[in-house]
PDB file of N, CA and C in Angstrom:
ATOM      1  N   UNK A   1     -22.220 -22.969 -11.415  1.00  0.00           N
ATOM      2  CA  UNK A   1     -20.675 -22.841 -11.692  1.00  0.00           C
ATOM      3  C   UNK A   1     -20.327 -23.031  -9.993  1.00  0.00           C
ATOM      4  N   UNK A   2     -19.202 -23.618  -9.796  1.00  0.00           N
ATOM      5  CA  UNK A   2     -18.471 -24.373  -8.532  1.00  0.00           C
ATOM      6  C   UNK A   2     -17.315 -22.976  -8.090  1.00  0.00           C
ATOM      7  N   UNK A   3     -17.130 -22.023  -7.199  1.00  0.00           N
ATOM      8  CA  UNK A   3     -16.627 -21.342  -7.345  1.00  0.00           C
ATOM      9  C   UNK A   3     -15.001 -22.033  -6.618  1.00  0.00           C
ATOM     10  N   UNK A   4     -13.733 -21.285  -7.380  1.00  0.00           N
ATOM     11  CA  UNK A   4     -12.568 -21.915  -7.305  1.00  0.00           C
ATOM     12  C   UNK A   4     -12.243 -21.177  -5.381  1.00  0.00           C
ATOM     13  N   UNK A   5     -11.446 -21.704  -4.867  1.00  0.00           N
ATOM     14  CA  UNK A   5     -10.899 -21.294  -3.919  1.00  0.00           C
ATOM     15  C   UNK A   5      -9.291 -21.389  -3.668  1.00  0.00           C
ATOM     16  N   UNK A   6      -8.338 -19.823  -3.817  1.00  0.00           N
ATOM     17  CA  UNK A   6      -7.117 -20.224  -3.734  1.00  0.00           C
ATOM     18  C   UNK A   6      -6.383 -19.705  -2.740  1.00  0.00           C
ATOM     19  N   UNK A   7      -5.559 -20.544  -2.428  1.00  0.00           N
ATOM     20  CA  UNK A   7      -4.891 -19.830  -1.063  1.00  0.00           C
ATOM     21  C   UNK A   7      -3.175 -19.198  -1.328  1.00  0.00           C
ATOM     22  N   UNK A   8      -2.339 -18.218  -0.887  1.00  0.00           N
ATOM     23  CA  UNK A   8      -1.601 -17.879  -1.688  1.00  0.00           C
ATOM     24  C   UNK A   8      -0.938 -17.409  -0.202  1.00  0.00           C
ATOM     25  N   UNK A   9       0.477 -17.752  -0.289  1.00  0.00           N
ATOM     26  CA  UNK A   9       1.640 -17.418   1.011  1.00  0.00           C
ATOM     27  C   UNK A   9       2.247 -16.342   0.791  1.00  0.00           C
ATOM     28  N   UNK A  10       2.032 -15.356   1.242  1.00  0.00           N
ATOM     29  CA  UNK A  10       2.686 -13.937   0.710  1.00  0.00           C
ATOM     30  C   UNK A  10       2.913 -13.205   2.333  1.00  0.00           C
ATOM     31  N   UNK A  11       4.484 -13.052   2.441  1.00  0.00           N
ATOM     32  CA  UNK A  11       4.674 -12.529   3.989  1.00  0.00           C
ATOM     33  C   UNK A  11       4.084 -11.400   4.179  1.00  0.00           C
ATOM     34  N   UNK A  12       3.499 -11.483   5.206  1.00  0.00           N
ATOM     35  CA  UNK A  12       2.525 -10.199   5.955  1.00  0.00           C
ATOM     36  C   UNK A  12       3.131  -9.041   5.787  1.00  0.00           C
ATOM     37  N   UNK A  13       4.458  -8.728   5.788  1.00  0.00           N
ATOM     38  CA  UNK A  13       4.654  -7.580   5.747  1.00  0.00           C
ATOM     39  C   UNK A  13       4.253  -6.881   3.983  1.00  0.00           C
ATOM     40  N   UNK A  14       4.231  -7.542   3.085  1.00  0.00           N
ATOM     41  CA  UNK A  14       3.918  -7.391   1.804  1.00  0.00           C
ATOM     42  C   UNK A  14       2.514  -7.006   1.858  1.00  0.00           C
ATOM     43  N   UNK A  15       1.626  -7.183   2.694  1.00  0.00           N
ATOM     44  CA  UNK A  15       0.294  -7.364   2.584  1.00  0.00           C
ATOM     45  C   UNK A  15      -0.146  -5.818   2.396  1.00  0.00           C
ATOM     46  N   UNK A  16       0.357  -5.045   2.911  1.00  0.00           N
ATOM     47  CA  UNK A  16       0.205  -3.788   3.268  1.00  0.00           C
ATOM     48  C   UNK A  16       0.932  -2.845   1.726  1.00  0.00           C
ATOM     49  N   UNK A  17       1.450  -3.333   1.048  1.00  0.00           N
ATOM     50  CA  UNK A  17       1.786  -2.615  -0.212  1.00  0.00           C
ATOM     51  C   UNK A  17       0.648  -3.326  -1.022  1.00  0.00           C
ATOM     52  N   UNK A  18      -0.085  -4.590  -1.185  1.00  0.00           N
ATOM     53  CA  UNK A  18      -0.941  -5.331  -1.826  1.00  0.00           C
ATOM     54  C   UNK A  18      -2.821  -4.225  -1.719  1.00  0.00           C
ATOM     55  N   UNK A  19      -2.611  -4.159  -0.422  1.00  0.00           N
ATOM     56  CA  UNK A  19      -3.921  -3.292  -0.197  1.00  0.00           C
ATOM     57  C   UNK A  19      -3.808  -1.765  -0.516  1.00  0.00           C
ATOM     58  N   UNK A  20      -2.329  -1.442  -0.501  1.00  0.00           N
ATOM     59  CA  UNK A  20      -2.792   0.008  -0.714  1.00  0.00           C
ATOM     60  C   UNK A  20      -2.737   1.292  -0.050  1.00  0.00           C
ATOM     61  N   UNK A  21      -2.619   2.289  -0.036  1.00  0.00           N
ATOM     62  CA  UNK A  21      -2.926   3.316   0.543  1.00  0.00           C
ATOM     63  C   UNK A  21      -4.088   3.740   0.585  1.00  0.00           C
ATOM     64  N   UNK A  22      -5.024   3.587   1.837  1.00  0.00           N
ATOM     65  CA  UNK A  22      -6.405   3.691   2.328  1.00  0.00           C
ATOM     66  C   UNK A  22      -7.192   2.853   1.404  1.00  0.00           C
ATOM     67  N   UNK A  23      -6.485   1.541   1.311  1.00  0.00           N
ATOM     68  CA  UNK A  23      -7.025   0.412   0.201  1.00  0.00           C
ATOM     69  C   UNK A  23      -7.092   0.795  -0.832  1.00  0.00           C
ATOM     70  N   UNK A  24      -6.289   1.807  -1.637  1.00  0.00           N
ATOM     71  CA  UNK A  24      -6.596   1.634  -3.215  1.00  0.00           C
ATOM     72  C   UNK A  24      -6.248   0.751  -3.976  1.00  0.00           C
ATOM     73  N   UNK A  25      -5.571  -0.173  -3.774  1.00  0.00           N
ATOM     74  CA  UNK A  25      -5.070  -1.177  -4.471  1.00  0.00           C
ATOM     75  C   UNK A  25      -6.268  -2.312  -4.732  1.00  0.00           C
ATOM     76  N   UNK A  26      -6.928  -2.471  -3.436  1.00  0.00           N
ATOM     77  CA  UNK A  26      -7.812  -3.250  -3.102  1.00  0.00           C
ATOM     78  C   UNK A  26      -9.060  -2.988  -4.167  1.00  0.00           C
ATOM     79  N   UNK A  27      -9.260  -1.396  -4.114  1.00  0.00           N
ATOM     80  CA  UNK A  27     -10.568  -1.291  -4.926  1.00  0.00           C
ATOM     81  C   UNK A  27     -10.215  -1.361  -6.516  1.00  0.00           C
ATOM     82  N   UNK A  28      -9.032  -1.724  -6.588  1.00  0.00           N
ATOM     83  CA  UNK A  28      -8.921  -1.545  -8.163  1.00  0.00           C
ATOM     84  C   UNK A  28      -8.734  -2.965  -8.598  1.00  0.00           C
ATOM     85  N   UNK A  29      -8.217  -3.943  -7.549  1.00  0.00           N
ATOM     86  CA  UNK A  29      -8.270  -5.365  -7.695  1.00  0.00           C
ATOM     87  C   UNK A  29      -9.976  -5.650  -7.498  1.00  0.00           C
ATOM     88  N   UNK A  30     -10.934  -4.984  -6.804  1.00  0.00           N
ATOM     89  CA  UNK A  30     -12.103  -5.452  -7.288  1.00  0.00           C
ATOM     90  C   UNK A  30     -12.821  -5.242  -8.495  1.00  0.00           C
ATOM     91  N   UNK A  31     -12.430  -3.964  -8.711  1.00  0.00           N
ATOM     92  CA  UNK A  31     -13.123  -3.572 -10.428  1.00  0.00           C
ATOM     93  C   UNK A  31     -12.655  -4.498 -11.342  1.00  0.00           C
ATOM     94  N   UNK A  32     -11.423  -5.268 -11.309  1.00  0.00           N
ATOM     95  CA  UNK A  32     -10.850  -5.805 -12.088  1.00  0.00           C
ATOM     96  C   UNK A  32     -11.044  -7.625 -12.135  1.00  0.00           C
ATOM     97  N   UNK A  33     -11.600  -7.966 -11.037  1.00  0.00           N
ATOM     98  CA  UNK A  33     -12.241  -8.869 -10.540  1.00  0.00           C
ATOM     99  C   UNK A  33     -13.252  -8.909  -9.697  1.00  0.00           C
ATOM    100  N   UNK A  34     -14.337  -8.507 -10.127  1.00  0.00           N
ATOM    101  CA  UNK A  34     -15.671  -8.492  -9.360  1.00  0.00           C
ATOM    102  C   UNK A  34     -16.110  -9.594  -9.020  1.00  0.00           C
ATOM    103  N   UNK A  35     -15.948 -10.935  -9.228  1.00  0.00           N
ATOM    104  CA  UNK A  35     -16.350 -12.337  -9.031  1.00  0.00           C
ATOM    105  C   UNK A  35     -15.225 -12.789  -8.007  1.00  0.00           C
ATOM    106  N   UNK A  36     -14.373 -12.241  -7.474  1.00  0.00           N
ATOM    107  CA  UNK A  36     -13.754 -12.703  -6.450  1.00  0.00           C
ATOM    108  C   UNK A  36     -13.621 -12.427  -5.230  1.00  0.00           C
ATOM    109  N   UNK A  37     -13.584 -12.977  -4.385  1.00  0.00           N
ATOM    110  CA  UNK A  37     -13.700 -12.522  -2.972  1.00  0.00           C
ATOM    111  C   UNK A  37     -12.218 -12.878  -2.188  1.00  0.00           C
ATOM    112  N   UNK A  38     -11.652 -11.562  -1.629  1.00  0.00           N
ATOM    113  CA  UNK A  38     -10.643 -11.507  -1.081  1.00  0.00           C
ATOM    114  C   UNK A  38     -10.667 -11.920   0.346  1.00  0.00           C
ATOM    115  N   UNK A  39      -9.825 -12.237   1.280  1.00  0.00           N
ATOM    116  CA  UNK A  39      -9.627 -12.384   2.634  1.00  0.00           C
ATOM    117  C   UNK A  39      -8.470 -12.505   3.135  1.00  0.00           C
ATOM    118  N   UNK A  40      -7.838 -11.270   3.966  1.00  0.00           N
ATOM    119  CA  UNK A  40      -6.654 -11.218   4.162  1.00  0.00           C
ATOM    120  C   UNK A  40      -7.034 -11.597   5.998  1.00  0.00           C
ATOM    121  N   UNK A  41      -5.363 -12.114   6.257  1.00  0.00           N
ATOM    122  CA  UNK A  41      -5.355 -12.104   7.845  1.00  0.00           C
ATOM    123  C   UNK A  41      -5.951 -10.878   8.179  1.00  0.00           C
ATOM    124  N   UNK A  42      -5.951 -10.934   9.909  1.00  0.00           N
ATOM    125  CA  UNK A  42      -6.113  -9.819  10.729  1.00  0.00           C
ATOM    126  C   UNK A  42      -4.760  -9.163  11.134  1.00  0.00           C
ATOM    127  N   UNK A  43      -4.773  -8.046  11.181  1.00  0.00           N
ATOM    128  CA  UNK A  43      -2.769  -7.674  11.595  1.00  0.00           C
ATOM    129  C   UNK A  43      -2.523  -8.045  12.623  1.00  0.00           C
ATOM    130  N   UNK A  44      -3.296  -8.473  13.774  1.00  0.00           N
ATOM    131  CA  UNK A  44      -2.506  -8.994  14.600  1.00  0.00           C
ATOM    132  C   UNK A  44      -2.343 -10.610  14.309  1.00  0.00           C
ATOM    133  N   UNK A  45      -2.465 -11.319  13.355  1.00  0.00           N
ATOM    134  CA  UNK A  45      -2.386 -12.704  13.085  1.00  0.00           C
ATOM    135  C   UNK A  45      -0.986 -12.999  12.482  1.00  0.00           C
ATOM    136  N   UNK A  46      -0.447 -13.916  13.120  1.00  0.00           N
ATOM    137  CA  UNK A  46       0.816 -14.410  12.419  1.00  0.00           C
ATOM    138  C   UNK A  46       0.814 -15.220  10.998  1.00  0.00           C
ATOM    139  N   UNK A  47      -0.558 -15.310  10.650  1.00  0.00           N
ATOM    140  CA  UNK A  47      -0.806 -15.715   9.136  1.00  0.00           C
ATOM    141  C   UNK A  47      -0.333 -14.736   8.023  1.00  0.00           C
ATOM    142  N   UNK A  48       0.255 -15.639   7.023  1.00  0.00           N
ATOM    143  CA  UNK A  48       0.866 -15.177   5.695  1.00  0.00           C
ATOM    144  C   UNK A  48      -0.292 -15.197   4.596  1.00  0.00           C
ATOM    145  N   UNK A  49      -1.303 -16.129   4.861  1.00  0.00           N
ATOM    146  CA  UNK A  49      -2.082 -16.380   3.955  1.00  0.00           C
ATOM    147  C   UNK A  49      -3.752 -15.575   3.439  1.00  0.00           C
ATOM    148  N   UNK A  50      -3.600 -15.568   2.124  1.00  0.00           N
ATOM    149  CA  UNK A  50      -4.761 -14.857   1.411  1.00  0.00           C
ATOM    150  C   UNK A  50      -5.078 -15.346   0.665  1.00  0.00           C
ATOM    151  N   UNK A  51      -6.774 -15.563   1.372  1.00  0.00           N
ATOM    152  CA  UNK A  51      -7.543 -16.340   0.432  1.00  0.00           C
ATOM    153  C   UNK A  51      -8.625 -15.667  -0.638  1.00  0.00           C
ATOM    154  N   UNK A  52      -8.599 -16.431  -1.700  1.00  0.00           N
ATOM    155  CA  UNK A  52      -9.161 -15.874  -2.869  1.00  0.00           C
ATOM    156  C   UNK A  52     -10.154 -16.807  -2.998  1.00  0.00           C
ATOM    157  N   UNK A  53     -11.745 -16.434  -3.350  1.00  0.00           N
ATOM    158  CA  UNK A  53     -12.749 -17.383  -3.922  1.00  0.00           C
ATOM    159  C   UNK A  53     -13.731 -16.874  -4.726  1.00  0.00           C
ATOM    160  N   UNK A  54     -13.871 -17.395  -6.178  1.00  0.00           N
ATOM    161  CA  UNK A  54     -15.056 -16.961  -6.848  1.00  0.00           C
ATOM    162  C   UNK A  54     -14.944 -17.555  -8.092  1.00  0.00           C
ATOM    163  N   UNK A  55     -15.442 -16.519  -9.232  1.00  0.00           N
ATOM    164  CA  UNK A  55     -15.253 -17.401 -10.692  1.00  0.00           C
ATOM    165  C   UNK A  55     -13.801 -17.911 -10.775  1.00  0.00           C
ATOM    166  N   UNK A  56     -13.351 -19.024 -11.550  1.00  0.00           N
ATOM    167  CA  UNK A  56     -11.953 -19.590 -11.736  1.00  0.00           C
ATOM    168  C   UNK A  56     -11.140 -18.747 -12.367  1.00  0.00           C
ATOM    169  N   UNK A  57     -11.730 -18.119 -13.522  1.00  0.00           N
ATOM    170  CA  UNK A  57     -10.989 -17.513 -14.341  1.00  0.00           C
ATOM    171  C   UNK A  57     -10.293 -16.100 -13.532  1.00  0.00           C
ATOM    172  N   UNK A  58     -11.246 -15.869 -13.150  1.00  0.00           N
ATOM    173  CA  UNK A  58     -10.886 -14.266 -12.263  1.00  0.00           C
ATOM    174  C   UNK A  58     -10.014 -14.221 -11.374  1.00  0.00           C
ATOM    175  N   UNK A  59     -10.039 -15.576 -10.192  1.00  0.00           N
ATOM    176  CA  UNK A  59      -9.502 -16.034  -9.129  1.00  0.00           C
ATOM    177  C   UNK A  59      -7.977 -16.354  -9.697  1.00  0.00           C
ATOM    178  N   UNK A  60      -7.730 -17.219 -10.722  1.00  0.00           N
ATOM    179  CA  UNK A  60      -6.549 -17.332 -11.158  1.00  0.00           C
ATOM    180  C   UNK A  60      -5.658 -16.127 -11.687  1.00  0.00           C
ATOM    181  N   UNK A  61      -6.473 -15.353 -12.214  1.00  0.00           N
ATOM    182  CA  UNK A  61      -6.135 -13.990 -12.650  1.00  0.00           C
ATOM    183  C   UNK A  61      -5.605 -12.988 -11.725  1.00  0.00           C
ATOM    184  N   UNK A  62      -6.266 -12.940 -10.385  1.00  0.00           N
ATOM    185  CA  UNK A  62      -5.581 -12.100  -9.535  1.00  0.00           C
ATOM    186  C   UNK A  62      -4.516 -12.974  -8.715  1.00  0.00           C
ATOM    187  N   UNK A  63      -4.470 -13.909  -8.593  1.00  0.00           N
ATOM    188  CA  UNK A  63      -3.397 -14.753  -7.650  1.00  0.00           C
ATOM    189  C   UNK A  63      -2.223 -14.556  -9.036  1.00  0.00           C
ATOM    190  N   UNK A  64      -2.493 -14.408  -9.894  1.00  0.00           N
ATOM    191  CA  UNK A  64      -1.125 -14.359 -10.430  1.00  0.00           C
ATOM    192  C   UNK A  64      -0.408 -12.450 -10.805  1.00  0.00           C
ATOM    193  N   UNK A  65      -1.779 -11.917 -10.545  1.00  0.00           N
ATOM    194  CA  UNK A  65      -1.178 -10.540  -9.866  1.00  0.00           C
ATOM    195  C   UNK A  65      -0.607 -10.052  -8.894  1.00  0.00           C
ATOM    196  N   UNK A  66      -0.809 -11.117  -7.789  1.00  0.00           N
ATOM    197  CA  UNK A  66       0.061 -11.355  -6.348  1.00  0.00           C
ATOM    198  C   UNK A  66       1.017 -11.896  -6.344  1.00  0.00           C
ATOM    199  N   UNK A  67       1.533 -12.786  -7.343  1.00  0.00           N
ATOM    200  CA  UNK A  67       2.625 -13.324  -7.328  1.00  0.00           C
ATOM    201  C   UNK A  67       3.514 -12.617  -8.006  1.00  0.00           C
TER     202      UNK A  67
END
């Protein structure tokens, strides 16, 4: 199976909300979408891009949650 790679442009100010307090939201996403790797830009980066890579159905499902 070839993994799907998806890039989402979300303002960096919203990244904190997506991650949640102490990463709580990320833990929830990882449980619901275990076959998707999420990569956020570093805190000092001006980038808004979040990268998702993994099983196509799960990557698309997670992208919809982020939008």
